[in-house]
Amino acid sequence: MRVKVRIKRSHIKNGRRGSHSTCPYALAIRDIGGTNIDADGKYLTFTYKREHIARVHTKKVCLFIRNFDDGVPVKPMTVILDGMP
């Protein structure tokens, strides 16, 4: 199953730089029902529907996270996660 993860302006506004669990991407994962979220600069792990999910970020997501952490303005975006339960 495909799941759309929408990183919204509110996630960007409320996200914390350098945080693996409260960055904008992690907040967006929380909105789709994810828990135990760890989104570092390269990998994403979380629990979704009682299953452990692990993904390598796309280049686009890596750049988004790096820019956000460095204080560079970022825009809302949508990430598609394939193979979800």
C-alpha atoms as a PDB file:
ATOM      1  CA  MET A   1       0.000   0.000   0.000  1.00  0.00           C
ATOM      2  CA  ARG A   2       1.113   3.562  -0.710  1.00  0.00           C
ATOM      3  CA  VAL A   3       0.878   6.187   2.002  1.00  0.00           C
ATOM      4  CA  LYS A   4       1.175   9.921   1.350  1.00  0.00           C
ATOM      5  CA  VAL A   5       3.044  11.831   4.017  1.00  0.00           C
ATOM      6  CA  ARG A   6       2.297  15.543   3.745  1.00  0.00           C
ATOM      7  CA  ILE A   7       4.819  17.822   5.414  1.00  0.00           C
ATOM      8  CA  LYS A   8       2.729  20.937   6.041  1.00  0.00           C
ATOM      9  CA  ARG A   9       3.572  24.500   7.013  1.00  0.00           C
ATOM     10  CA  SER A  10       2.455  23.718  10.557  1.00  0.00           C
ATOM     11  CA  HIS A  11       5.000  20.871  10.743  1.00  0.00           C
ATOM     12  CA  ILE A  12       7.737  23.224   9.552  1.00  0.00           C
ATOM     13  CA  LYS A  13       6.666  25.912  12.026  1.00  0.00           C
ATOM     14  CA  ASN A  14       6.476  23.494  14.980  1.00  0.00           C
ATOM     15  CA  GLY A  15       9.410  21.251  14.032  1.00  0.00           C
ATOM     16  CA  ARG A  16      12.673  21.331  15.993  1.00  0.00           C
ATOM     17  CA  ARG A  17      16.024  21.547  14.252  1.00  0.00           C
ATOM     18  CA  GLY A  18      18.319  18.618  14.920  1.00  0.00           C
ATOM     19  CA  SER A  19      15.562  16.511  16.481  1.00  0.00           C
ATOM     20  CA  HIS A  20      14.972  13.028  15.078  1.00  0.00           C
ATOM     21  CA  SER A  21      11.540  12.768  16.685  1.00  0.00           C
ATOM     22  CA  THR A  22      10.110  16.290  16.351  1.00  0.00           C
ATOM     23  CA  CYS A  23      11.470  17.518  13.005  1.00  0.00           C
ATOM     24  CA  PRO A  24       8.805  18.409  10.391  1.00  0.00           C
ATOM     25  CA  TYR A  25       9.076  14.981   8.728  1.00  0.00           C
ATOM     26  CA  ALA A  26       8.622  13.183  12.057  1.00  0.00           C
ATOM     27  CA  LEU A  27       5.592  15.360  12.857  1.00  0.00           C
ATOM     28  CA  ALA A  28       4.086  14.465   9.468  1.00  0.00           C
ATOM     29  CA  ILE A  29       4.719  10.750  10.130  1.00  0.00           C
ATOM     30  CA  ARG A  30       2.909  11.175  13.443  1.00  0.00           C
ATOM     31  CA  ASP A  31      -0.102  12.599  11.561  1.00  0.00           C
ATOM     32  CA  ILE A  32      -0.485   9.368   9.547  1.00  0.00           C
ATOM     33  CA  GLY A  33      -0.440   7.308  12.757  1.00  0.00           C
ATOM     34  CA  GLY A  34       3.286   6.625  13.136  1.00  0.00           C
ATOM     35  CA  THR A  35       4.837   6.231  16.583  1.00  0.00           C
ATOM     36  CA  ASN A  36       8.370   5.679  17.930  1.00  0.00           C
ATOM     37  CA  ILE A  37       9.680   7.889  15.127  1.00  0.00           C
ATOM     38  CA  ASP A  38      13.375   8.375  14.400  1.00  0.00           C
ATOM     39  CA  ALA A  39      14.082  10.464  11.290  1.00  0.00           C
ATOM     40  CA  ASP A  40      17.771  11.262  11.048  1.00  0.00           C
ATOM     41  CA  GLY A  41      19.579  12.690   8.038  1.00  0.00           C
ATOM     42  CA  LYS A  42      19.604   9.389   6.149  1.00  0.00           C
ATOM     43  CA  TYR A  43      17.135   6.899   7.662  1.00  0.00           C
ATOM     44  CA  LEU A  44      13.546   6.805   8.869  1.00  0.00           C
ATOM     45  CA  THR A  45      12.280   4.236  11.362  1.00  0.00           C
ATOM     46  CA  PHE A  46       8.884   4.160  13.028  1.00  0.00           C
ATOM     47  CA  THR A  47       6.014   1.937  14.073  1.00  0.00           C
ATOM     48  CA  TYR A  48       2.909   1.904  11.879  1.00  0.00           C
ATOM     49  CA  LYS A  49      -0.093  -0.337  12.494  1.00  0.00           C
ATOM     50  CA  ARG A  50       2.014  -2.362  14.953  1.00  0.00           C
ATOM     51  CA  GLU A  51       4.743  -3.013  12.370  1.00  0.00           C
ATOM     52  CA  HIS A  52       8.309  -1.701  12.448  1.00  0.00           C
ATOM     53  CA  ILE A  53       9.045   0.356   9.321  1.00  0.00           C
ATOM     54  CA  ALA A  54      12.572   1.254   8.172  1.00  0.00           C
ATOM     55  CA  ARG A  55      13.381   3.326   5.094  1.00  0.00           C
ATOM     56  CA  VAL A  56      16.339   5.117   3.555  1.00  0.00           C
ATOM     57  CA  HIS A  57      15.418   8.715   2.726  1.00  0.00           C
ATOM     58  CA  THR A  58      15.243   9.849  -0.885  1.00  0.00           C
ATOM     59  CA  LYS A  59      17.688  12.572  -1.927  1.00  0.00           C
ATOM     60  CA  LYS A  60      14.812  15.057  -1.827  1.00  0.00           C
ATOM     61  CA  VAL A  61      14.004  14.204   1.812  1.00  0.00           C
ATOM     62  CA  CYS A  62      17.695  14.252   2.812  1.00  0.00           C
ATOM     63  CA  LEU A  63      18.024  17.742   1.335  1.00  0.00           C
ATOM     64  CA  PHE A  64      14.833  18.901   3.082  1.00  0.00           C
ATOM     65  CA  ILE A  65      16.094  17.661   6.468  1.00  0.00           C
ATOM     66  CA  ARG A  66      19.590  19.097   5.980  1.00  0.00           C
ATOM     67  CA  ASN A  67      18.224  22.482   4.917  1.00  0.00           C
ATOM     68  CA  PHE A  68      15.758  22.587   7.808  1.00  0.00           C
ATOM     69  CA  ASP A  69      18.449  21.655  10.324  1.00  0.00           C
ATOM     70  CA  ASP A  70      20.784  24.308   8.859  1.00  0.00           C
ATOM     71  CA  GLY A  71      18.131  27.033   9.098  1.00  0.00           C
ATOM     72  CA  VAL A  72      17.581  27.272   5.339  1.00  0.00           C
ATOM     73  CA  PRO A  73      13.911  28.000   4.518  1.00  0.00           C
ATOM     74  CA  VAL A  74      12.009  24.893   3.365  1.00  0.00           C
ATOM     75  CA  LYS A  75       8.600  24.490   1.741  1.00  0.00           C
ATOM     76  CA  PRO A  76       5.832  21.962   2.385  1.00  0.00           C
ATOM     77  CA  MET A  77       6.168  18.745   0.421  1.00  0.00           C
ATOM     78  CA  THR A  78       4.593  15.316   0.003  1.00  0.00           C
ATOM     79  CA  VAL A  79       6.526  12.069   0.401  1.00  0.00           C
ATOM     80  CA  ILE A  80       5.156   8.757  -0.865  1.00  0.00           C
ATOM     81  CA  LEU A  81       5.964   5.676   1.213  1.00  0.00           C
ATOM     82  CA  ASP A  82       5.470   2.461  -0.766  1.00  0.00           C
ATOM     83  CA  GLY A  83       5.082  -1.002   0.693  1.00  0.00           C
ATOM     84  CA  MET A  84       3.272   0.091   3.814  1.00  0.00           C
ATOM     85  CA  PRO A  85       1.024  -2.314   5.736  1.00  0.00           C
END
